[in-house]
Amino acid sequence: MAQKPMSNTAAERMNLVAQDEIWRYRLRAESEARQNWNQKWGFLTTPFEELISGEEFPAPKPKIQLPERFHIRPVTPVNKYIKVLPSPPVPKTTQGFIGWRSGVPGLNMSLQHDHEIHSGKGSYARELH
């Protein structure tokens, strides 16, 4: 009787020698990284005060008085130059008589059918007739 072929994951799990080599390589890389860290990243452990102790900072520049044409004017309140008046009443149009925005309760039939699930193109139109 023939046995089932072994899957790749099962074969990888059984290859203990290769796994051991990979583990040794990882340990060697970690050990080298630990030894080289101080040379590459040791500057990060230096305190900030020690880093800036030898630097000289330039003296702050004096403030210059700008001419009047460069001054920024104060902001004018919006309601001073824009007048918002109340909206006029909605005109009586076909949209006002039929549809979901209709003011007459019996004419906004689309609101009553929205809770149902519709399938197909004409199903919603058939329900309205």
N, C-alpha and C. Protein backbone atom coordinates (compact mmCIF):
# COMPACT_ATOMS: atom_id res chain seq x y z
N MET A 1 0.84 -1.17 0.00
CA MET A 1 0.00 0.00 0.00
C MET A 1 0.89 1.23 0.00
N ALA A 2 0.57 2.19 -0.88
CA ALA A 2 1.40 3.39 -1.02
C ALA A 2 1.03 4.41 0.03
N GLN A 3 2.06 5.09 0.54
CA GLN A 3 1.80 6.14 1.53
C GLN A 3 1.58 7.46 0.83
N LYS A 4 0.89 8.36 1.54
CA LYS A 4 0.68 9.70 0.99
C LYS A 4 2.01 10.43 0.95
N PRO A 5 2.22 11.25 -0.11
CA PRO A 5 3.46 12.04 -0.14
C PRO A 5 3.45 13.07 0.99
N MET A 6 4.62 13.34 1.54
CA MET A 6 4.76 14.26 2.66
C MET A 6 4.65 15.71 2.16
N SER A 7 3.95 16.54 2.88
CA SER A 7 3.82 17.94 2.50
C SER A 7 5.13 18.68 2.77
N ASN A 8 5.27 19.85 2.16
CA ASN A 8 6.49 20.64 2.33
C ASN A 8 6.69 21.06 3.78
N THR A 9 5.62 21.45 4.45
CA THR A 9 5.75 21.90 5.83
C THR A 9 6.18 20.76 6.74
N ALA A 10 5.65 19.57 6.48
CA ALA A 10 6.04 18.43 7.30
C ALA A 10 7.51 18.07 7.03
N ALA A 11 7.94 18.16 5.78
CA ALA A 11 9.32 17.86 5.44
C ALA A 11 10.26 18.89 6.07
N GLU A 12 9.86 20.15 6.09
CA GLU A 12 10.69 21.19 6.70
C GLU A 12 10.80 20.98 8.20
N ARG A 13 9.73 20.52 8.83
CA ARG A 13 9.76 20.26 10.26
C ARG A 13 10.68 19.09 10.60
N MET A 14 10.77 18.13 9.70
CA MET A 14 11.58 16.95 9.97
C MET A 14 13.06 17.19 9.68
N ASN A 15 13.39 18.24 8.92
CA ASN A 15 14.78 18.51 8.56
C ASN A 15 15.45 19.26 9.72
N LEU A 16 15.83 18.52 10.73
CA LEU A 16 16.37 19.12 11.93
C LEU A 16 17.76 19.70 11.73
N VAL A 17 18.54 19.14 10.83
CA VAL A 17 19.89 19.63 10.58
C VAL A 17 19.83 21.04 9.98
N ALA A 18 18.95 21.23 9.01
CA ALA A 18 18.81 22.55 8.40
C ALA A 18 18.30 23.57 9.41
N GLN A 19 17.35 23.16 10.24
CA GLN A 19 16.84 24.08 11.26
C GLN A 19 17.94 24.48 12.24
N ASP A 20 18.80 23.52 12.59
CA ASP A 20 19.91 23.81 13.49
C ASP A 20 20.89 24.80 12.86
N GLU A 21 21.15 24.66 11.56
CA GLU A 21 22.05 25.59 10.86
C GLU A 21 21.46 27.00 10.82
N ILE A 22 20.17 27.07 10.57
CA ILE A 22 19.50 28.38 10.55
C ILE A 22 19.58 29.03 11.93
N TRP A 23 19.38 28.25 12.98
CA TRP A 23 19.45 28.77 14.34
C TRP A 23 20.84 29.28 14.66
N ARG A 24 21.87 28.53 14.27
CA ARG A 24 23.25 28.96 14.50
C ARG A 24 23.56 30.25 13.75
N TYR A 25 23.08 30.35 12.51
CA TYR A 25 23.30 31.56 11.72
C TYR A 25 22.65 32.77 12.39
N ARG A 26 21.43 32.58 12.92
CA ARG A 26 20.74 33.68 13.61
C ARG A 26 21.51 34.11 14.86
N LEU A 27 21.99 33.13 15.62
CA LEU A 27 22.75 33.46 16.83
C LEU A 27 24.04 34.20 16.48
N ARG A 28 24.73 33.77 15.41
CA ARG A 28 25.97 34.43 14.99
C ARG A 28 25.68 35.86 14.55
N ALA A 29 24.61 36.06 13.79
CA ALA A 29 24.26 37.41 13.32
C ALA A 29 23.90 38.31 14.50
N GLU A 30 23.20 37.76 15.48
CA GLU A 30 22.83 38.55 16.66
C GLU A 30 24.07 38.93 17.47
N SER A 31 25.00 37.99 17.60
CA SER A 31 26.23 38.26 18.34
C SER A 31 27.06 39.34 17.65
N GLU A 32 27.17 39.27 16.32
CA GLU A 32 27.91 40.30 15.58
C GLU A 32 27.23 41.66 15.70
N ALA A 33 25.92 41.67 15.65
CA ALA A 33 25.19 42.93 15.78
C ALA A 33 25.41 43.55 17.16
N ARG A 34 25.44 42.71 18.20
CA ARG A 34 25.68 43.19 19.55
C ARG A 34 27.07 43.79 19.67
N GLN A 35 28.06 43.17 19.03
CA GLN A 35 29.42 43.68 19.11
C GLN A 35 29.61 44.97 18.32
N ASN A 36 28.93 45.10 17.19
CA ASN A 36 29.08 46.29 16.33
C ASN A 36 28.15 47.43 16.69
N TRP A 37 27.23 47.22 17.61
CA TRP A 37 26.23 48.24 17.91
C TRP A 37 26.87 49.51 18.43
N ASN A 38 27.82 49.40 19.33
CA ASN A 38 28.44 50.58 19.92
C ASN A 38 29.14 51.43 18.86
N GLN A 39 29.78 50.80 17.88
CA GLN A 39 30.47 51.57 16.85
C GLN A 39 29.47 52.30 15.95
N LYS A 40 28.35 51.66 15.64
CA LYS A 40 27.39 52.27 14.72
C LYS A 40 26.40 53.20 15.41
N TRP A 41 25.91 52.80 16.58
CA TRP A 41 24.81 53.53 17.22
C TRP A 41 25.16 54.05 18.61
N GLY A 42 26.40 54.02 19.01
CA GLY A 42 26.79 54.47 20.35
C GLY A 42 26.51 55.94 20.60
N PHE A 43 26.46 56.75 19.55
CA PHE A 43 26.18 58.18 19.72
C PHE A 43 24.80 58.43 20.31
N LEU A 44 23.91 57.46 20.20
CA LEU A 44 22.57 57.64 20.74
C LEU A 44 22.56 57.62 22.27
N THR A 45 23.58 57.04 22.87
CA THR A 45 23.63 56.97 24.33
C THR A 45 24.25 58.20 24.96
N THR A 46 24.83 59.10 24.15
CA THR A 46 25.45 60.32 24.66
C THR A 46 24.37 61.29 25.12
N PRO A 47 24.48 61.87 26.32
CA PRO A 47 23.47 62.84 26.77
C PRO A 47 23.43 64.07 25.85
N PHE A 48 22.27 64.66 25.71
CA PHE A 48 22.07 65.80 24.82
C PHE A 48 22.92 67.00 25.24
N GLU A 49 23.01 67.25 26.55
CA GLU A 49 23.79 68.39 27.03
C GLU A 49 25.25 68.27 26.62
N GLU A 50 25.77 67.04 26.63
CA GLU A 50 27.16 66.82 26.24
C GLU A 50 27.35 67.05 24.73
N LEU A 51 26.34 66.70 23.96
CA LEU A 51 26.44 66.89 22.51
C LEU A 51 26.47 68.37 22.13
N ILE A 52 25.68 69.21 22.81
CA ILE A 52 25.60 70.62 22.42
C ILE A 52 26.54 71.51 23.22
N SER A 53 27.34 70.93 24.13
CA SER A 53 28.20 71.76 24.98
C SER A 53 29.25 72.53 24.18
N GLY A 54 29.79 71.98 23.11
CA GLY A 54 30.85 72.66 22.36
C GLY A 54 30.32 73.58 21.28
N GLU A 55 29.03 73.58 21.02
CA GLU A 55 28.47 74.40 19.94
C GLU A 55 28.16 75.81 20.43
N GLU A 56 28.34 76.75 19.54
CA GLU A 56 27.97 78.14 19.84
C GLU A 56 26.76 78.50 19.00
N PHE A 57 25.77 79.02 19.67
CA PHE A 57 24.55 79.39 18.98
C PHE A 57 24.61 80.86 18.59
N PRO A 58 24.13 81.22 17.39
CA PRO A 58 24.16 82.63 16.98
C PRO A 58 23.22 83.48 17.85
N ALA A 59 23.58 84.72 18.02
CA ALA A 59 22.75 85.64 18.80
C ALA A 59 21.44 85.88 18.06
N PRO A 60 20.35 86.03 18.79
CA PRO A 60 19.07 86.26 18.11
C PRO A 60 19.09 87.60 17.37
N LYS A 61 18.46 87.61 16.20
CA LYS A 61 18.43 88.83 15.39
C LYS A 61 17.43 89.82 15.98
N PRO A 62 17.74 91.11 15.94
CA PRO A 62 16.80 92.10 16.48
C PRO A 62 15.57 92.21 15.57
N LYS A 63 14.44 92.53 16.19
CA LYS A 63 13.20 92.71 15.45
C LYS A 63 13.24 94.02 14.69
N ILE A 64 12.81 93.98 13.44
CA ILE A 64 12.78 95.18 12.59
C ILE A 64 11.34 95.65 12.48
N GLN A 65 11.13 96.96 12.63
CA GLN A 65 9.80 97.50 12.46
C GLN A 65 9.46 97.53 10.98
N LEU A 66 8.34 96.90 10.61
CA LEU A 66 7.93 96.87 9.22
C LEU A 66 7.19 98.14 8.85
N PRO A 67 7.25 98.52 7.58
CA PRO A 67 6.44 99.67 7.13
C PRO A 67 4.95 99.35 7.26
N GLU A 68 4.16 100.40 7.28
CA GLU A 68 2.71 100.25 7.50
C GLU A 68 2.06 99.38 6.44
N ARG A 69 2.55 99.39 5.20
CA ARG A 69 1.91 98.63 4.12
C ARG A 69 2.09 97.11 4.30
N PHE A 70 3.03 96.69 5.14
CA PHE A 70 3.25 95.27 5.38
C PHE A 70 2.51 94.74 6.60
N HIS A 71 1.83 95.61 7.35
CA HIS A 71 1.08 95.17 8.52
C HIS A 71 -0.18 94.44 8.08
N ILE A 72 -0.59 93.46 8.85
CA ILE A 72 -1.80 92.68 8.56
C ILE A 72 -2.98 93.37 9.23
N ARG A 73 -4.02 93.60 8.45
CA ARG A 73 -5.22 94.23 9.00
C ARG A 73 -5.97 93.25 9.90
N PRO A 74 -6.67 93.75 10.90
CA PRO A 74 -7.45 92.84 11.76
C PRO A 74 -8.59 92.21 10.96
N VAL A 75 -8.98 91.04 11.37
CA VAL A 75 -10.03 90.29 10.67
C VAL A 75 -11.39 90.94 10.92
N THR A 76 -12.14 91.14 9.84
CA THR A 76 -13.48 91.70 9.92
C THR A 76 -14.46 90.56 10.18
N PRO A 77 -15.39 90.72 11.11
CA PRO A 77 -16.36 89.65 11.35
C PRO A 77 -17.20 89.38 10.09
N VAL A 78 -17.55 88.14 9.87
CA VAL A 78 -18.26 87.73 8.67
C VAL A 78 -19.63 88.39 8.60
N ASN A 79 -20.36 88.49 9.71
CA ASN A 79 -21.71 89.04 9.65
C ASN A 79 -21.72 90.54 9.39
N LYS A 80 -20.57 91.18 9.35
CA LYS A 80 -20.54 92.59 9.03
C LYS A 80 -20.68 92.82 7.51
N TYR A 81 -20.12 91.93 6.70
CA TYR A 81 -20.19 92.13 5.25
C TYR A 81 -21.00 91.06 4.54
N ILE A 82 -21.47 90.02 5.21
CA ILE A 82 -22.36 89.03 4.60
C ILE A 82 -23.62 88.98 5.44
N LYS A 83 -24.73 89.29 4.82
CA LYS A 83 -26.02 89.26 5.51
C LYS A 83 -26.75 87.98 5.11
N VAL A 84 -27.09 87.15 6.09
CA VAL A 84 -27.81 85.91 5.84
C VAL A 84 -29.26 86.15 6.21
N LEU A 85 -30.11 86.13 5.19
CA LEU A 85 -31.55 86.35 5.40
C LEU A 85 -32.25 85.00 5.51
N PRO A 86 -33.43 84.94 6.11
CA PRO A 86 -34.15 83.65 6.19
C PRO A 86 -34.55 83.18 4.80
N SER A 87 -34.61 81.87 4.62
CA SER A 87 -34.96 81.28 3.33
C SER A 87 -36.42 81.51 3.01
N PRO A 88 -36.74 81.72 1.72
CA PRO A 88 -38.15 81.86 1.34
C PRO A 88 -38.83 80.49 1.40
N PRO A 89 -40.16 80.45 1.40
CA PRO A 89 -40.85 79.16 1.44
C PRO A 89 -40.59 78.37 0.15
N VAL A 90 -40.65 77.04 0.26
CA VAL A 90 -40.40 76.17 -0.90
C VAL A 90 -41.55 76.34 -1.88
N PRO A 91 -41.26 76.59 -3.16
CA PRO A 91 -42.34 76.76 -4.12
C PRO A 91 -43.07 75.45 -4.41
N LYS A 92 -44.29 75.55 -4.85
CA LYS A 92 -45.09 74.37 -5.18
C LYS A 92 -44.67 73.87 -6.56
N THR A 93 -43.87 72.83 -6.58
CA THR A 93 -43.41 72.22 -7.84
C THR A 93 -43.80 70.76 -7.83
N THR A 94 -43.52 70.07 -8.94
CA THR A 94 -43.83 68.64 -8.98
C THR A 94 -42.99 67.89 -7.94
N GLN A 95 -41.78 68.35 -7.66
CA GLN A 95 -40.96 67.72 -6.62
C GLN A 95 -41.60 67.91 -5.25
N GLY A 96 -42.31 69.01 -5.06
CA GLY A 96 -42.99 69.25 -3.79
C GLY A 96 -44.22 68.39 -3.60
N PHE A 97 -44.81 67.91 -4.70
CA PHE A 97 -46.01 67.09 -4.62
C PHE A 97 -45.69 65.59 -4.54
N ILE A 98 -44.64 65.16 -5.24
CA ILE A 98 -44.34 63.73 -5.35
C ILE A 98 -42.92 63.50 -4.88
N GLY A 99 -42.69 62.40 -4.20
CA GLY A 99 -41.33 62.04 -3.84
C GLY A 99 -41.12 62.03 -2.35
N TRP A 100 -39.91 61.75 -1.97
CA TRP A 100 -39.58 61.58 -0.55
C TRP A 100 -39.59 62.90 0.21
N ARG A 101 -39.53 64.06 -0.53
CA ARG A 101 -39.55 65.36 0.14
C ARG A 101 -40.94 65.96 0.19
N SER A 102 -41.91 65.22 -0.19
CA SER A 102 -43.28 65.74 -0.24
C SER A 102 -43.77 66.10 1.16
N GLY A 103 -44.47 67.22 1.22
CA GLY A 103 -45.02 67.65 2.50
C GLY A 103 -46.34 66.97 2.82
N VAL A 104 -46.98 66.38 1.81
CA VAL A 104 -48.25 65.69 2.02
C VAL A 104 -47.96 64.24 2.41
N PRO A 105 -48.42 63.78 3.57
CA PRO A 105 -48.03 62.44 4.04
C PRO A 105 -48.41 61.30 3.09
N GLY A 106 -49.48 61.37 2.38
CA GLY A 106 -49.90 60.27 1.52
C GLY A 106 -49.09 60.15 0.24
N LEU A 107 -48.37 61.20 -0.14
CA LEU A 107 -47.67 61.19 -1.41
C LEU A 107 -46.23 60.68 -1.33
N ASN A 108 -45.66 60.57 -0.15
CA ASN A 108 -44.29 60.08 -0.05
C ASN A 108 -44.27 58.58 0.18
N MET A 109 -44.76 57.84 -0.81
CA MET A 109 -44.87 56.38 -0.72
C MET A 109 -43.50 55.70 -0.68
N SER A 110 -42.48 56.36 -1.22
CA SER A 110 -41.16 55.71 -1.26
C SER A 110 -40.61 55.49 0.14
N LEU A 111 -41.04 56.31 1.12
CA LEU A 111 -40.56 56.13 2.49
C LEU A 111 -41.12 54.87 3.12
N GLN A 112 -42.30 54.45 2.70
CA GLN A 112 -42.92 53.29 3.30
C GLN A 112 -42.32 51.99 2.78
N HIS A 113 -41.69 51.99 1.60
CA HIS A 113 -41.17 50.76 1.01
C HIS A 113 -39.67 50.59 1.21
N ASP A 114 -39.00 51.54 1.81
CA ASP A 114 -37.55 51.46 1.93
C ASP A 114 -37.07 50.37 2.88
N HIS A 115 -37.91 49.90 3.78
CA HIS A 115 -37.46 48.89 4.72
C HIS A 115 -37.45 47.48 4.11
N GLU A 116 -38.08 47.31 2.95
CA GLU A 116 -38.13 45.99 2.31
C GLU A 116 -36.91 45.78 1.42
N ILE A 117 -36.55 44.52 1.19
CA ILE A 117 -35.44 44.18 0.31
C ILE A 117 -36.00 44.02 -1.10
N HIS A 118 -35.43 44.73 -2.05
CA HIS A 118 -35.89 44.68 -3.44
C HIS A 118 -34.83 43.97 -4.27
N SER A 119 -35.28 43.04 -5.09
CA SER A 119 -34.34 42.37 -5.99
C SER A 119 -34.87 42.51 -7.40
N GLY A 120 -34.02 42.83 -8.33
CA GLY A 120 -34.42 42.99 -9.71
C GLY A 120 -34.68 44.44 -10.05
N LYS A 121 -34.69 44.71 -11.35
CA LYS A 121 -34.83 46.10 -11.80
C LYS A 121 -36.22 46.66 -11.55
N GLY A 122 -37.26 45.94 -11.93
CA GLY A 122 -38.59 46.51 -11.91
C GLY A 122 -39.39 46.22 -10.67
N SER A 123 -38.81 45.57 -9.66
CA SER A 123 -39.59 45.19 -8.48
C SER A 123 -40.10 46.41 -7.73
N TYR A 124 -39.29 47.42 -7.62
CA TYR A 124 -39.70 48.62 -6.89
C TYR A 124 -40.79 49.36 -7.66
N ALA A 125 -40.66 49.43 -8.98
CA ALA A 125 -41.67 50.11 -9.81
C ALA A 125 -43.00 49.36 -9.75
N ARG A 126 -42.98 48.03 -9.73
CA ARG A 126 -44.20 47.24 -9.66
C ARG A 126 -44.92 47.45 -8.33
N GLU A 127 -44.16 47.65 -7.24
CA GLU A 127 -44.78 47.86 -5.94
C GLU A 127 -45.50 49.19 -5.85
N LEU A 128 -45.01 50.18 -6.59
CA LEU A 128 -45.62 51.51 -6.54
C LEU A 128 -46.94 51.56 -7.30
N HIS A 129 -47.16 50.68 -8.29
CA HIS A 129 -48.41 50.72 -9.09
C HIS A 129 -49.49 49.90 -8.48
